[in-house]
Amino acid sequence: MPTAPKRESTVVTPLRVAIGLCLAAPYVAILWVGSYSAVDPTFIGIPFFYWYQMLWVLISTALTMLAYKLWQHDQRSRRGVQGGAVK
């Protein structure tokens, strides 16, 4: 009788929690409109409402890149622990 294929269990690690926070932070910041629905302070004549959102475009890019790099590190370390080939 053949044995069932081995399933990998999902493990919650601090690194994966950090990845989740990096990906969730932009959503919370932008969906919480009450925190930035104001005209002042203006930045080079642009109301706060607009430049805050544009700043989050840059922050979101940086956080997504960080999450991706952390995910790559996590996958490499898991393969190393499991004895797989590391690229």
Protein backbone atom coordinates (compact mmCIF):
# COMPACT_ATOMS: atom_id res chain seq x y z
CA MET A 1 0.00 0.00 0.00
CA PRO A 2 1.57 3.33 -1.04
CA THR A 3 2.09 5.95 1.64
CA ALA A 4 0.47 9.34 1.42
CA PRO A 5 2.70 12.20 0.17
CA LYS A 6 4.29 14.22 2.93
CA ARG A 7 2.57 17.58 3.46
CA GLU A 8 4.52 20.59 4.54
CA SER A 9 3.01 22.22 7.58
CA THR A 10 2.54 25.97 7.67
CA VAL A 11 4.70 27.47 10.37
CA VAL A 12 4.18 30.96 11.73
CA THR A 13 7.56 32.48 12.47
CA PRO A 14 8.50 36.02 13.51
CA LEU A 15 9.94 36.53 10.02
CA ARG A 16 6.63 35.64 8.41
CA VAL A 17 4.78 37.93 10.81
CA ALA A 18 7.13 40.76 9.74
CA ILE A 19 6.37 39.95 6.09
CA GLY A 20 2.65 40.15 6.80
CA LEU A 21 3.03 43.47 8.57
CA CYS A 22 5.05 44.89 5.67
CA LEU A 23 2.25 43.95 3.29
CA ALA A 24 -0.63 45.05 5.56
CA ALA A 25 0.74 48.46 6.63
CA PRO A 26 -0.05 50.30 3.36
CA TYR A 27 -3.65 49.08 3.41
CA VAL A 28 -4.19 50.27 6.96
CA ALA A 29 -2.53 53.62 6.29
CA ILE A 30 -4.57 54.37 3.17
CA LEU A 31 -7.92 52.95 4.30
CA TRP A 32 -7.83 54.98 7.54
CA VAL A 33 -8.90 58.16 5.76
CA GLY A 34 -9.63 60.10 8.94
CA SER A 35 -5.91 60.15 9.72
CA TYR A 36 -5.03 62.19 6.63
CA SER A 37 -8.16 64.02 5.51
CA ALA A 38 -6.74 67.49 6.01
CA VAL A 39 -5.33 70.32 3.93
CA ASP A 40 -2.52 71.30 6.31
CA PRO A 41 0.40 70.82 6.35
CA THR A 42 1.04 71.62 2.73
CA PHE A 43 4.23 70.53 0.99
CA ILE A 44 5.39 72.77 -1.87
CA GLY A 45 1.82 73.94 -2.24
CA ILE A 46 0.30 70.42 -2.34
CA PRO A 47 -2.33 69.69 0.35
CA PHE A 48 -1.53 66.99 2.91
CA PHE A 49 -4.35 64.76 1.59
CA TYR A 50 -2.55 64.32 -1.74
CA TRP A 51 1.11 64.19 -0.78
CA TYR A 52 0.41 61.71 2.03
CA GLN A 53 -1.08 59.26 -0.48
CA MET A 54 1.75 59.76 -2.95
CA LEU A 55 4.28 59.20 -0.17
CA TRP A 56 2.58 55.87 0.57
CA VAL A 57 3.14 54.81 -3.04
CA LEU A 58 6.89 55.03 -2.39
CA ILE A 59 6.64 53.50 1.08
CA SER A 60 4.52 50.63 -0.27
CA THR A 61 7.11 49.90 -2.93
CA ALA A 62 9.88 49.77 -0.33
CA LEU A 63 7.83 47.58 2.03
CA THR A 64 6.89 45.18 -0.77
CA MET A 65 10.54 44.86 -1.80
CA LEU A 66 11.50 44.24 1.82
CA ALA A 67 8.77 41.60 2.20
CA TYR A 68 9.99 39.87 -0.96
CA LYS A 69 13.60 39.81 0.24
CA LEU A 70 12.50 38.48 3.63
CA TRP A 71 10.41 35.81 1.90
CA GLN A 72 13.40 34.74 -0.20
CA HIS A 73 15.52 34.51 2.95
CA ASP A 74 12.81 32.46 4.67
CA GLN A 75 12.54 30.05 1.74
CA ARG A 76 16.33 29.61 1.51
CA SER A 77 16.60 28.89 5.21
CA ARG A 78 13.71 26.40 5.08
CA ARG A 79 15.32 24.57 2.15
CA GLY A 80 18.60 24.51 4.05
CA VAL A 81 16.94 23.00 7.12
CA GLN A 82 15.09 20.42 5.02
CA GLY A 83 18.31 19.45 3.23
CA GLY A 84 17.24 20.75 -0.19
CA ALA A 85 19.44 22.38 -2.75
CA VAL A 86 20.05 26.06 -2.09
CA LYS A 87 20.44 28.31 -5.13
